[in-house]
Amino acid sequence: MKKMIFVLFMISSVLLMSCRHVPEDNREQPLVIATLFPHYDIVKHLAGEWLDVELLLPPGADYHSFEPSSRTMVRMKSADLIVFTGIDIEPWITTLIEEGVPTLDLSKNIPLMEADHHHHHTWYQDVWYWFIGLFGLSHDHHHIDPHYWLDPLNAMIMVNDIAEVLVTILPERDVEINENRDRYLSELDSLHEAFLDLVDHAEVMTVMHGGHNAFSYFAARYGIDYYTPYRGFSSDAEPTPQALSEMINRMNELNIEHLFSEMLISPHVAQAITENTNATILYLYAAESIPIDDYERGFSFIDMLKHNLAQFKIGMRYNP
């Protein structure tokens, strides 16, 4: 009887061992975890064929209220690389850095803006943006605007930084990675040229945005007057009645016909504004997250920027 129990125990143990996942150290491809969708999309396009690439923020989720669970943090500790937005923006990453997990801070070469200071773009912000870019400086502040990827030139910096690190992980694929990098950079450069053409032929250089403060980098790059009733960049912050009133008055004074809002946030603020202005709502991607339907159909970060370009052409009255 004891012998039979022992045999059964051994059989069960073998079955259990066969059902376990392959140990993390023995996985076939390196694991790269990207915190937000633009980072994920760039990694996928540069080296997705030779990596296991995971998106930390689930499709459709709100980035501004997201905190990784303890289980997710354990998973991240086994990654070969974590591509993240910035220490000030994702402070929980510090724990992983202290434990020696390889990371790439995509904000390291980008001049960052303070979130609370750019709800309206002005000439002196143009000068400041140029200055910090010229000297490679960034704001040492805990309310940093994270949406730097919406400026195509910043996105190009992200692509170069990601490619540089991926080549160290996959040295045998350096030629292919650099070729993919060049293709991605070419697409971003074409978008940059298209946005320059937009502002050269726009009848309206004022963007009224009923969504959260996500387009300051974009507006600064292209010299656009940018208004939003939101202070800061959080999508769950409510604008004050005074801010809404000022927005409505400004739109009526300038006869603005289009109001921009965003995918993945409630349009109730934009709708309240349009009720008092008769403006039409146009929807943009802030791009930190991706709607589930778009994710499932393979929509890319480049696709998002192209969509935004088409919407801006309508709202800014592009007239080539």
C-alpha atoms as a PDB file:
ATOM      1  CA  MET A   1       0.000   0.000   0.000  1.00  0.00           C
ATOM      2  CA  LYS A   2       2.791   2.398   0.931  1.00  0.00           C
ATOM      3  CA  LYS A   3       4.542   1.553  -2.324  1.00  0.00           C
ATOM      4  CA  MET A   4       1.410   2.370  -4.326  1.00  0.00           C
ATOM      5  CA  ILE A   5       0.964   5.702  -2.509  1.00  0.00           C
ATOM      6  CA  PHE A   6       4.594   6.558  -3.267  1.00  0.00           C
ATOM      7  CA  VAL A   7       4.120   5.718  -6.973  1.00  0.00           C
ATOM      8  CA  LEU A   8       0.964   7.842  -7.137  1.00  0.00           C
ATOM      9  CA  PHE A   9       2.802  10.705  -5.434  1.00  0.00           C
ATOM     10  CA  MET A  10       5.641  10.526  -7.971  1.00  0.00           C
ATOM     11  CA  ILE A  11       3.207  10.474 -10.902  1.00  0.00           C
ATOM     12  CA  SER A  12       1.355  13.504  -9.490  1.00  0.00           C
ATOM     13  CA  SER A  13       4.610  15.360  -9.002  1.00  0.00           C
ATOM     14  CA  VAL A  14       5.665  14.728 -12.611  1.00  0.00           C
ATOM     15  CA  LEU A  15       2.277  15.916 -13.887  1.00  0.00           C
ATOM     16  CA  LEU A  16       2.458  19.051 -11.782  1.00  0.00           C
ATOM     17  CA  MET A  17       5.962  19.798 -13.004  1.00  0.00           C
ATOM     18  CA  SER A  18       4.861  19.404 -16.621  1.00  0.00           C
ATOM     19  CA  CYS A  19       2.008  21.907 -16.103  1.00  0.00           C
ATOM     20  CA  ARG A  20       4.210  24.661 -14.737  1.00  0.00           C
ATOM     21  CA  HIS A  21       5.270  27.579 -16.888  1.00  0.00           C
ATOM     22  CA  VAL A  22       8.783  27.622 -18.232  1.00  0.00           C
ATOM     23  CA  PRO A  23      10.913  29.366 -15.579  1.00  0.00           C
ATOM     24  CA  GLU A  24      11.477  33.054 -16.239  1.00  0.00           C
ATOM     25  CA  ASP A  25      15.220  32.542 -16.584  1.00  0.00           C
ATOM     26  CA  ASN A  26      14.661  29.955 -19.341  1.00  0.00           C
ATOM     27  CA  ARG A  27      12.158  31.842 -21.500  1.00  0.00           C
ATOM     28  CA  GLU A  28      12.922  31.767 -25.204  1.00  0.00           C
ATOM     29  CA  GLN A  29      12.795  35.540 -25.786  1.00  0.00           C
ATOM     30  CA  PRO A  30      13.658  38.564 -23.626  1.00  0.00           C
ATOM     31  CA  LEU A  31      10.709  40.186 -21.847  1.00  0.00           C
ATOM     32  CA  VAL A  32      10.170  43.916 -22.288  1.00  0.00           C
ATOM     33  CA  ILE A  33       7.358  45.644 -20.372  1.00  0.00           C
ATOM     34  CA  ALA A  34       6.239  49.108 -21.512  1.00  0.00           C
ATOM     35  CA  THR A  35       4.168  51.222 -19.149  1.00  0.00           C
ATOM     36  CA  LEU A  36       2.159  53.148 -21.784  1.00  0.00           C
ATOM     37  CA  PHE A  37       0.924  52.539 -25.301  1.00  0.00           C
ATOM     38  CA  PRO A  38       3.361  54.763 -27.276  1.00  0.00           C
ATOM     39  CA  HIS A  39       6.329  53.038 -25.606  1.00  0.00           C
ATOM     40  CA  TYR A  40       4.795  49.615 -26.265  1.00  0.00           C
ATOM     41  CA  ASP A  41       4.040  50.387 -29.899  1.00  0.00           C
ATOM     42  CA  ILE A  42       7.562  51.619 -30.600  1.00  0.00           C
ATOM     43  CA  VAL A  43       9.136  48.520 -29.016  1.00  0.00           C
ATOM     44  CA  LYS A  44       6.783  46.264 -31.004  1.00  0.00           C
ATOM     45  CA  HIS A  45       7.629  47.950 -34.294  1.00  0.00           C
ATOM     46  CA  LEU A  46      11.365  47.949 -33.642  1.00  0.00           C
ATOM     47  CA  ALA A  47      11.840  44.412 -32.296  1.00  0.00           C
ATOM     48  CA  GLY A  48       8.517  42.755 -31.528  1.00  0.00           C
ATOM     49  CA  GLU A  49       9.432  39.721 -33.602  1.00  0.00           C
ATOM     50  CA  TRP A  50      12.308  38.822 -31.282  1.00  0.00           C
ATOM     51  CA  LEU A  51      10.891  39.957 -27.926  1.00  0.00           C
ATOM     52  CA  ASP A  52       7.978  39.229 -25.627  1.00  0.00           C
ATOM     53  CA  VAL A  53       6.501  42.719 -25.346  1.00  0.00           C
ATOM     54  CA  GLU A  54       3.847  43.471 -22.731  1.00  0.00           C
ATOM     55  CA  LEU A  55       1.756  46.601 -22.229  1.00  0.00           C
ATOM     56  CA  LEU A  56       1.452  47.435 -18.540  1.00  0.00           C
ATOM     57  CA  LEU A  57      -1.580  49.735 -18.818  1.00  0.00           C
ATOM     58  CA  PRO A  58      -4.523  47.596 -19.967  1.00  0.00           C
ATOM     59  CA  PRO A  59      -6.251  48.834 -23.156  1.00  0.00           C
ATOM     60  CA  GLY A  60      -9.069  51.203 -22.266  1.00  0.00           C
ATOM     61  CA  ALA A  61      -7.722  51.912 -18.758  1.00  0.00           C
ATOM     62  CA  ASP A  62      -7.235  55.400 -17.327  1.00  0.00           C
ATOM     63  CA  TYR A  63      -3.524  56.068 -17.004  1.00  0.00           C
ATOM     64  CA  HIS A  64      -3.885  58.851 -14.434  1.00  0.00           C
ATOM     65  CA  SER A  65      -5.460  56.591 -11.822  1.00  0.00           C
ATOM     66  CA  PHE A  66      -3.388  53.488 -12.583  1.00  0.00           C
ATOM     67  CA  GLU A  67      -1.127  51.863 -10.012  1.00  0.00           C
ATOM     68  CA  PRO A  68       0.420  48.423 -10.670  1.00  0.00           C
ATOM     69  CA  SER A  69      -0.693  45.684  -8.283  1.00  0.00           C
ATOM     70  CA  SER A  70       1.779  43.821  -6.078  1.00  0.00           C
ATOM     71  CA  ARG A  71       1.416  40.809  -8.392  1.00  0.00           C
ATOM     72  CA  THR A  72       2.248  42.991 -11.392  1.00  0.00           C
ATOM     73  CA  MET A  73       5.283  44.399  -9.591  1.00  0.00           C
ATOM     74  CA  VAL A  74       6.560  40.858  -9.033  1.00  0.00           C
ATOM     75  CA  ARG A  75       6.110  40.153 -12.735  1.00  0.00           C
ATOM     76  CA  MET A  76       8.002  43.326 -13.624  1.00  0.00           C
ATOM     77  CA  LYS A  77      10.955  42.274 -11.496  1.00  0.00           C
ATOM     78  CA  SER A  78      11.574  39.412 -13.923  1.00  0.00           C
ATOM     79  CA  ALA A  79      11.643  41.656 -17.004  1.00  0.00           C
ATOM     80  CA  ASP A  80      14.756  42.134 -19.097  1.00  0.00           C
ATOM     81  CA  LEU A  81      13.741  45.770 -19.612  1.00  0.00           C
ATOM     82  CA  ILE A  82      11.033  48.140 -18.409  1.00  0.00           C
ATOM     83  CA  VAL A  83      10.372  51.128 -20.657  1.00  0.00           C
ATOM     84  CA  PHE A  84       8.722  53.881 -18.626  1.00  0.00           C
ATOM     85  CA  THR A  85       7.595  57.503 -18.897  1.00  0.00           C
ATOM     86  CA  GLY A  86       9.561  59.218 -16.130  1.00  0.00           C
ATOM     87  CA  ILE A  87      10.375  59.064 -12.414  1.00  0.00           C
ATOM     88  CA  ASP A  88       8.192  62.077 -11.564  1.00  0.00           C
ATOM     89  CA  ILE A  89       5.340  60.662 -13.619  1.00  0.00           C
ATOM     90  CA  GLU A  90       5.590  57.018 -12.490  1.00  0.00           C
ATOM     91  CA  PRO A  91       7.270  57.223  -9.074  1.00  0.00           C
ATOM     92  CA  TRP A  92       6.517  53.584  -8.211  1.00  0.00           C
ATOM     93  CA  ILE A  93       9.238  52.594 -10.710  1.00  0.00           C
ATOM     94  CA  THR A  94      11.845  53.647  -8.118  1.00  0.00           C
ATOM     95  CA  THR A  95      11.326  50.393  -6.223  1.00  0.00           C
ATOM     96  CA  LEU A  96      12.227  48.358  -9.303  1.00  0.00           C
ATOM     97  CA  ILE A  97      15.250  50.510 -10.105  1.00  0.00           C
ATOM     98  CA  GLU A  98      16.551  50.080  -6.556  1.00  0.00           C
ATOM     99  CA  GLU A  99      16.244  46.301  -6.968  1.00  0.00           C
ATOM    100  CA  GLY A 100      18.346  46.362 -10.112  1.00  0.00           C
ATOM    101  CA  VAL A 101      15.657  45.810 -12.735  1.00  0.00           C
ATOM    102  CA  PRO A 102      16.880  47.178 -16.116  1.00  0.00           C
ATOM    103  CA  THR A 103      14.873  50.281 -17.036  1.00  0.00           C
ATOM    104  CA  LEU A 104      14.719  52.963 -19.702  1.00  0.00           C
ATOM    105  CA  ASP A 105      13.443  56.415 -18.710  1.00  0.00           C
ATOM    106  CA  LEU A 106      12.077  57.887 -21.935  1.00  0.00           C
ATOM    107  CA  SER A 107      11.942  61.395 -20.483  1.00  0.00           C
ATOM    108  CA  LYS A 108      15.699  61.602 -19.937  1.00  0.00           C
ATOM    109  CA  ASN A 109      16.429  63.405 -23.225  1.00  0.00           C
ATOM    110  CA  ILE A 110      13.186  65.373 -23.496  1.00  0.00           C
ATOM    111  CA  PRO A 111      12.616  68.924 -22.171  1.00  0.00           C
ATOM    112  CA  LEU A 112       9.685  68.451 -19.811  1.00  0.00           C
ATOM    113  CA  MET A 113       6.893  70.894 -19.042  1.00  0.00           C
ATOM    114  CA  GLU A 114       5.158  71.492 -15.741  1.00  0.00           C
ATOM    115  CA  ALA A 115       1.566  70.360 -16.029  1.00  0.00           C
ATOM    116  CA  ASP A 116      -0.088  73.302 -14.296  1.00  0.00           C
ATOM    117  CA  HIS A 117       1.535  76.000 -16.380  1.00  0.00           C
ATOM    118  CA  HIS A 118       0.345  75.237 -19.893  1.00  0.00           C
ATOM    119  CA  HIS A 119      -3.422  75.391 -20.082  1.00  0.00           C
ATOM    120  CA  HIS A 120      -2.901  78.371 -22.390  1.00  0.00           C
ATOM    121  CA  HIS A 121       0.105  78.530 -24.667  1.00  0.00           C
ATOM    122  CA  THR A 122       1.768  81.970 -24.909  1.00  0.00           C
ATOM    123  CA  TRP A 123       4.814  83.497 -26.566  1.00  0.00           C
ATOM    124  CA  TYR A 124       6.946  83.386 -23.412  1.00  0.00           C
ATOM    125  CA  GLN A 125       6.270  79.655 -23.110  1.00  0.00           C
ATOM    126  CA  ASP A 126       7.633  79.347 -26.659  1.00  0.00           C
ATOM    127  CA  VAL A 127      10.846  81.038 -25.484  1.00  0.00           C
ATOM    128  CA  TRP A 128      11.059  78.830 -22.386  1.00  0.00           C
ATOM    129  CA  TYR A 129      10.441  75.667 -24.390  1.00  0.00           C
ATOM    130  CA  TRP A 130      13.180  76.672 -26.837  1.00  0.00           C
ATOM    131  CA  PHE A 131      15.563  77.540 -23.989  1.00  0.00           C
ATOM    132  CA  ILE A 132      15.267  74.287 -22.075  1.00  0.00           C
ATOM    133  CA  GLY A 133      15.566  72.329 -25.313  1.00  0.00           C
ATOM    134  CA  LEU A 134      18.701  74.241 -26.318  1.00  0.00           C
ATOM    135  CA  PHE A 135      20.500  73.503 -23.052  1.00  0.00           C
ATOM    136  CA  GLY A 136      19.071  70.034 -22.449  1.00  0.00           C
ATOM    137  CA  LEU A 137      17.375  71.086 -19.233  1.00  0.00           C
ATOM    138  CA  SER A 138      14.202  69.760 -17.667  1.00  0.00           C
ATOM    139  CA  HIS A 139      11.942  70.823 -14.834  1.00  0.00           C
ATOM    140  CA  ASP A 140      12.673  69.297 -11.438  1.00  0.00           C
ATOM    141  CA  HIS A 141       9.039  69.247 -10.382  1.00  0.00           C
ATOM    142  CA  HIS A 142       6.541  66.647  -9.280  1.00  0.00           C
ATOM    143  CA  HIS A 143       3.678  67.904 -11.465  1.00  0.00           C
ATOM    144  CA  ILE A 144       5.217  67.094 -14.811  1.00  0.00           C
ATOM    145  CA  ASP A 145       3.079  66.944 -17.933  1.00  0.00           C
ATOM    146  CA  PRO A 146       3.621  63.395 -19.228  1.00  0.00           C
ATOM    147  CA  HIS A 147       2.180  63.800 -22.731  1.00  0.00           C
ATOM    148  CA  TYR A 148       5.455  64.559 -24.470  1.00  0.00           C
ATOM    149  CA  TRP A 149       4.882  61.851 -27.128  1.00  0.00           C
ATOM    150  CA  LEU A 150       2.236  63.995 -28.874  1.00  0.00           C
ATOM    151  CA  ASP A 151       5.052  66.157 -30.239  1.00  0.00           C
ATOM    152  CA  PRO A 152       6.435  64.062 -33.152  1.00  0.00           C
ATOM    153  CA  LEU A 153       9.968  65.350 -32.563  1.00  0.00           C
ATOM    154  CA  ASN A 154       9.831  64.134 -28.968  1.00  0.00           C
ATOM    155  CA  ALA A 155       8.525  60.803 -30.255  1.00  0.00           C
ATOM    156  CA  MET A 156      11.589  60.611 -32.491  1.00  0.00           C
ATOM    157  CA  ILE A 157      13.800  60.993 -29.415  1.00  0.00           C
ATOM    158  CA  MET A 158      11.869  58.134 -27.810  1.00  0.00           C
ATOM    159  CA  VAL A 159      12.416  55.914 -30.872  1.00  0.00           C
ATOM    160  CA  ASN A 160      16.162  56.547 -30.893  1.00  0.00           C
ATOM    161  CA  ASP A 161      16.509  55.884 -27.154  1.00  0.00           C
ATOM    162  CA  ILE A 162      14.487  52.652 -27.364  1.00  0.00           C
ATOM    163  CA  ALA A 163      16.444  51.409 -30.379  1.00  0.00           C
ATOM    164  CA  GLU A 164      19.746  52.076 -28.618  1.00  0.00           C
ATOM    165  CA  VAL A 165      18.761  49.913 -25.636  1.00  0.00           C
ATOM    166  CA  LEU A 166      17.126  47.147 -27.687  1.00  0.00           C
ATOM    167  CA  VAL A 167      20.347  46.660 -29.634  1.00  0.00           C
ATOM    168  CA  THR A 168      22.130  45.894 -26.343  1.00  0.00           C
ATOM    169  CA  ILE A 169      19.496  43.242 -25.548  1.00  0.00           C
ATOM    170  CA  LEU A 170      19.481  41.796 -29.070  1.00  0.00           C
ATOM    171  CA  PRO A 171      22.954  42.509 -30.501  1.00  0.00           C
ATOM    172  CA  GLU A 172      22.468  39.846 -33.144  1.00  0.00           C
ATOM    173  CA  ARG A 173      19.493  41.845 -34.498  1.00  0.00           C
ATOM    174  CA  ASP A 174      21.138  45.267 -34.580  1.00  0.00           C
ATOM    175  CA  VAL A 175      20.806  45.671 -38.363  1.00  0.00           C
ATOM    176  CA  GLU A 176      17.094  44.832 -38.392  1.00  0.00           C
ATOM    177  CA  ILE A 177      16.358  46.984 -35.337  1.00  0.00           C
ATOM    178  CA  ASN A 178      18.110  49.983 -36.856  1.00  0.00           C
ATOM    179  CA  GLU A 179      16.286  49.494 -40.148  1.00  0.00           C
ATOM    180  CA  ASN A 180      12.969  49.402 -38.274  1.00  0.00           C
ATOM    181  CA  ARG A 181      14.048  52.478 -36.323  1.00  0.00           C
ATOM    182  CA  ASP A 182      14.730  54.361 -39.530  1.00  0.00           C
ATOM    183  CA  ARG A 183      11.314  53.432 -40.943  1.00  0.00           C
ATOM    184  CA  TYR A 184       9.574  54.592 -37.777  1.00  0.00           C
ATOM    185  CA  LEU A 185      11.555  57.836 -37.718  1.00  0.00           C
ATOM    186  CA  SER A 186      10.641  58.455 -41.352  1.00  0.00           C
ATOM    187  CA  GLU A 187       6.939  58.148 -40.527  1.00  0.00           C
ATOM    188  CA  LEU A 188       7.268  60.556 -37.616  1.00  0.00           C
ATOM    189  CA  ASP A 189       9.231  62.994 -39.749  1.00  0.00           C
ATOM    190  CA  SER A 190       6.479  62.899 -42.383  1.00  0.00           C
ATOM    191  CA  LEU A 191       3.917  63.643 -39.684  1.00  0.00           C
ATOM    192  CA  HIS A 192       6.019  66.537 -38.407  1.00  0.00           C
ATOM    193  CA  GLU A 193       6.136  67.974 -41.929  1.00  0.00           C
ATOM    194  CA  ALA A 194       2.366  67.488 -42.231  1.00  0.00           C
ATOM    195  CA  PHE A 195       1.788  69.400 -38.993  1.00  0.00           C
ATOM    196  CA  LEU A 196       4.068  72.203 -40.206  1.00  0.00           C
ATOM    197  CA  ASP A 197       2.019  72.318 -43.402  1.00  0.00           C
ATOM    198  CA  LEU A 198      -1.160  72.387 -41.301  1.00  0.00           C
ATOM    199  CA  VAL A 199      -0.156  75.490 -39.358  1.00  0.00           C
ATOM    200  CA  ASP A 200       1.134  77.156 -42.539  1.00  0.00           C
ATOM    201  CA  HIS A 201      -2.314  76.808 -44.101  1.00  0.00           C
ATOM    202  CA  ALA A 202      -4.635  76.982 -41.081  1.00  0.00           C
ATOM    203  CA  GLU A 203      -7.247  79.711 -40.926  1.00  0.00           C
ATOM    204  CA  VAL A 204      -7.664  79.150 -37.169  1.00  0.00           C
ATOM    205  CA  MET A 205      -4.585  78.974 -34.927  1.00  0.00           C
ATOM    206  CA  THR A 206      -6.529  78.576 -31.691  1.00  0.00           C
ATOM    207  CA  VAL A 207      -7.295  75.086 -30.375  1.00  0.00           C
ATOM    208  CA  MET A 208     -10.116  74.878 -27.844  1.00  0.00           C
ATOM    209  CA  HIS A 209      -9.886  71.628 -25.942  1.00  0.00           C
ATOM    210  CA  GLY A 210     -12.637  70.308 -23.703  1.00  0.00           C
ATOM    211  CA  GLY A 211     -10.517  67.365 -22.593  1.00  0.00           C
ATOM    212  CA  HIS A 212      -7.722  67.199 -20.029  1.00  0.00           C
ATOM    213  CA  ASN A 213      -4.521  69.174 -20.505  1.00  0.00           C
ATOM    214  CA  ALA A 214      -2.742  66.798 -22.873  1.00  0.00           C
ATOM    215  CA  PHE A 215      -1.625  68.838 -25.879  1.00  0.00           C
ATOM    216  CA  SER A 216       0.758  71.431 -24.425  1.00  0.00           C
ATOM    217  CA  TYR A 217       3.853  69.853 -25.999  1.00  0.00           C
ATOM    218  CA  PHE A 218       2.110  69.662 -29.351  1.00  0.00           C
ATOM    219  CA  ALA A 219       0.880  73.250 -29.150  1.00  0.00           C
ATOM    220  CA  ALA A 220       4.293  74.547 -28.095  1.00  0.00           C
ATOM    221  CA  ARG A 221       6.015  72.783 -30.960  1.00  0.00           C
ATOM    222  CA  TYR A 222       3.750  74.264 -33.616  1.00  0.00           C
ATOM    223  CA  GLY A 223       2.988  77.696 -32.161  1.00  0.00           C
ATOM    224  CA  ILE A 224      -0.692  77.004 -31.557  1.00  0.00           C
ATOM    225  CA  ASP A 225      -2.788  78.921 -28.999  1.00  0.00           C
ATOM    226  CA  TYR A 226      -4.108  76.164 -26.772  1.00  0.00           C
ATOM    227  CA  TYR A 227      -6.981  76.548 -24.304  1.00  0.00           C
ATOM    228  CA  THR A 228      -8.406  74.012 -21.889  1.00  0.00           C
ATOM    229  CA  PRO A 229     -10.512  74.590 -18.753  1.00  0.00           C
ATOM    230  CA  TYR A 230      -8.565  71.859 -16.932  1.00  0.00           C
ATOM    231  CA  ARG A 231      -5.678  72.694 -14.633  1.00  0.00           C
ATOM    232  CA  GLY A 232      -2.981  70.048 -14.614  1.00  0.00           C
ATOM    233  CA  PHE A 233      -3.159  66.874 -16.647  1.00  0.00           C
ATOM    234  CA  SER A 234      -5.368  64.493 -14.659  1.00  0.00           C
ATOM    235  CA  SER A 235      -8.436  63.299 -16.537  1.00  0.00           C
ATOM    236  CA  ASP A 236     -10.489  62.956 -13.350  1.00  0.00           C
ATOM    237  CA  ALA A 237     -10.046  66.591 -12.247  1.00  0.00           C
ATOM    238  CA  GLU A 238     -13.087  68.787 -12.822  1.00  0.00           C
ATOM    239  CA  PRO A 239     -12.659  72.306 -14.224  1.00  0.00           C
ATOM    240  CA  THR A 240     -14.072  75.165 -12.169  1.00  0.00           C
ATOM    241  CA  PRO A 241     -17.266  76.977 -13.263  1.00  0.00           C
ATOM    242  CA  GLN A 242     -15.174  80.100 -13.805  1.00  0.00           C
ATOM    243  CA  ALA A 243     -12.787  78.235 -16.127  1.00  0.00           C
ATOM    244  CA  LEU A 244     -15.720  76.862 -18.109  1.00  0.00           C
ATOM    245  CA  SER A 245     -17.298  80.310 -18.346  1.00  0.00           C
ATOM    246  CA  GLU A 246     -14.036  81.832 -19.595  1.00  0.00           C
ATOM    247  CA  MET A 247     -13.696  79.081 -22.185  1.00  0.00           C
ATOM    248  CA  ILE A 248     -17.228  79.589 -23.455  1.00  0.00           C
ATOM    249  CA  ASN A 249     -16.811  83.357 -23.649  1.00  0.00           C
ATOM    250  CA  ARG A 250     -13.524  83.041 -25.526  1.00  0.00           C
ATOM    251  CA  MET A 251     -15.021  80.611 -28.042  1.00  0.00           C
ATOM    252  CA  ASN A 252     -17.978  82.913 -28.679  1.00  0.00           C
ATOM    253  CA  GLU A 253     -15.697  85.946 -29.044  1.00  0.00           C
ATOM    254  CA  LEU A 254     -13.522  84.159 -31.612  1.00  0.00           C
ATOM    255  CA  ASN A 255     -16.435  82.399 -33.353  1.00  0.00           C
ATOM    256  CA  ILE A 256     -14.773  79.016 -32.840  1.00  0.00           C
ATOM    257  CA  GLU A 257     -16.813  76.332 -34.607  1.00  0.00           C
ATOM    258  CA  HIS A 258     -15.053  73.205 -33.338  1.00  0.00           C
ATOM    259  CA  LEU A 259     -14.203  71.971 -29.857  1.00  0.00           C
ATOM    260  CA  PHE A 260     -11.734  69.140 -29.333  1.00  0.00           C
ATOM    261  CA  SER A 261     -12.272  66.333 -26.843  1.00  0.00           C
ATOM    262  CA  GLU A 262     -10.633  62.940 -26.328  1.00  0.00           C
ATOM    263  CA  MET A 263     -11.107  59.255 -26.688  1.00  0.00           C
ATOM    264  CA  LEU A 264     -11.415  57.379 -23.384  1.00  0.00           C
ATOM    265  CA  ILE A 265     -12.620  60.275 -21.225  1.00  0.00           C
ATOM    266  CA  SER A 266     -16.171  61.340 -20.493  1.00  0.00           C
ATOM    267  CA  PRO A 267     -17.259  64.063 -22.943  1.00  0.00           C
ATOM    268  CA  HIS A 268     -19.560  65.732 -20.400  1.00  0.00           C
ATOM    269  CA  VAL A 269     -17.333  68.822 -20.050  1.00  0.00           C
ATOM    270  CA  ALA A 270     -17.039  69.202 -23.820  1.00  0.00           C
ATOM    271  CA  GLN A 271     -20.791  68.722 -24.175  1.00  0.00           C
ATOM    272  CA  ALA A 272     -21.479  71.400 -21.552  1.00  0.00           C
ATOM    273  CA  ILE A 273     -19.306  73.808 -23.525  1.00  0.00           C
ATOM    274  CA  THR A 274     -20.950  73.025 -26.868  1.00  0.00           C
ATOM    275  CA  GLU A 275     -24.404  73.617 -25.390  1.00  0.00           C
ATOM    276  CA  ASN A 276     -23.363  77.237 -24.906  1.00  0.00           C
ATOM    277  CA  THR A 277     -21.366  77.696 -28.113  1.00  0.00           C
ATOM    278  CA  ASN A 278     -22.997  75.472 -30.764  1.00  0.00           C
ATOM    279  CA  ALA A 279     -19.550  74.112 -31.588  1.00  0.00           C
ATOM    280  CA  THR A 280     -19.035  70.631 -33.046  1.00  0.00           C
ATOM    281  CA  ILE A 281     -16.920  68.155 -31.041  1.00  0.00           C
ATOM    282  CA  LEU A 282     -13.896  66.535 -32.689  1.00  0.00           C
ATOM    283  CA  TYR A 283     -12.195  63.643 -30.890  1.00  0.00           C
ATOM    284  CA  LEU A 284      -8.442  63.234 -30.456  1.00  0.00           C
ATOM    285  CA  TYR A 285      -6.129  60.565 -29.066  1.00  0.00           C
ATOM    286  CA  ALA A 286      -4.017  61.580 -26.073  1.00  0.00           C
ATOM    287  CA  ALA A 287      -2.407  58.174 -26.795  1.00  0.00           C
ATOM    288  CA  GLU A 288      -1.231  57.159 -23.316  1.00  0.00           C
ATOM    289  CA  SER A 289      -3.881  54.440 -23.468  1.00  0.00           C
ATOM    290  CA  ILE A 290      -5.664  52.804 -26.376  1.00  0.00           C
ATOM    291  CA  PRO A 291      -9.367  51.916 -26.665  1.00  0.00           C
ATOM    292  CA  ILE A 292      -9.954  48.161 -26.572  1.00  0.00           C
ATOM    293  CA  ASP A 293     -11.486  48.062 -30.066  1.00  0.00           C
ATOM    294  CA  ASP A 294      -8.511  49.925 -31.534  1.00  0.00           C
ATOM    295  CA  TYR A 295      -6.084  47.609 -29.771  1.00  0.00           C
ATOM    296  CA  GLU A 296      -7.823  44.523 -31.115  1.00  0.00           C
ATOM    297  CA  ARG A 297      -7.725  45.816 -34.704  1.00  0.00           C
ATOM    298  CA  GLY A 298      -4.016  46.605 -34.505  1.00  0.00           C
ATOM    299  CA  PHE A 299      -4.241  50.397 -34.377  1.00  0.00           C
ATOM    300  CA  SER A 300      -0.795  51.950 -33.909  1.00  0.00           C
ATOM    301  CA  PHE A 301       0.613  55.063 -32.290  1.00  0.00           C
ATOM    302  CA  ILE A 302       1.314  56.428 -35.781  1.00  0.00           C
ATOM    303  CA  ASP A 303      -2.343  55.769 -36.664  1.00  0.00           C
ATOM    304  CA  MET A 304      -3.358  57.845 -33.643  1.00  0.00           C
ATOM    305  CA  LEU A 305      -1.219  60.793 -34.712  1.00  0.00           C
ATOM    306  CA  LYS A 306      -2.592  60.569 -38.260  1.00  0.00           C
ATOM    307  CA  HIS A 307      -6.127  60.609 -36.858  1.00  0.00           C
ATOM    308  CA  ASN A 308      -5.268  63.686 -34.789  1.00  0.00           C
ATOM    309  CA  LEU A 309      -3.843  65.399 -37.883  1.00  0.00           C
ATOM    310  CA  ALA A 310      -7.087  64.817 -39.780  1.00  0.00           C
ATOM    311  CA  GLN A 311      -9.138  66.211 -36.876  1.00  0.00           C
ATOM    312  CA  PHE A 312      -6.905  69.268 -36.514  1.00  0.00           C
ATOM    313  CA  LYS A 313      -7.264  69.948 -40.233  1.00  0.00           C
ATOM    314  CA  ILE A 314     -11.019  70.173 -39.733  1.00  0.00           C
ATOM    315  CA  GLY A 315     -10.933  72.189 -36.511  1.00  0.00           C
ATOM    316  CA  MET A 316      -8.204  74.587 -37.648  1.00  0.00           C
ATOM    317  CA  ARG A 317      -9.749  75.058 -41.099  1.00  0.00           C
ATOM    318  CA  TYR A 318      -6.877  73.737 -43.141  1.00  0.00           C
ATOM    319  CA  ASN A 319      -6.920  75.484 -46.510  1.00  0.00           C
ATOM    320  CA  PRO A 320      -3.935  74.429 -48.687  1.00  0.00           C
END
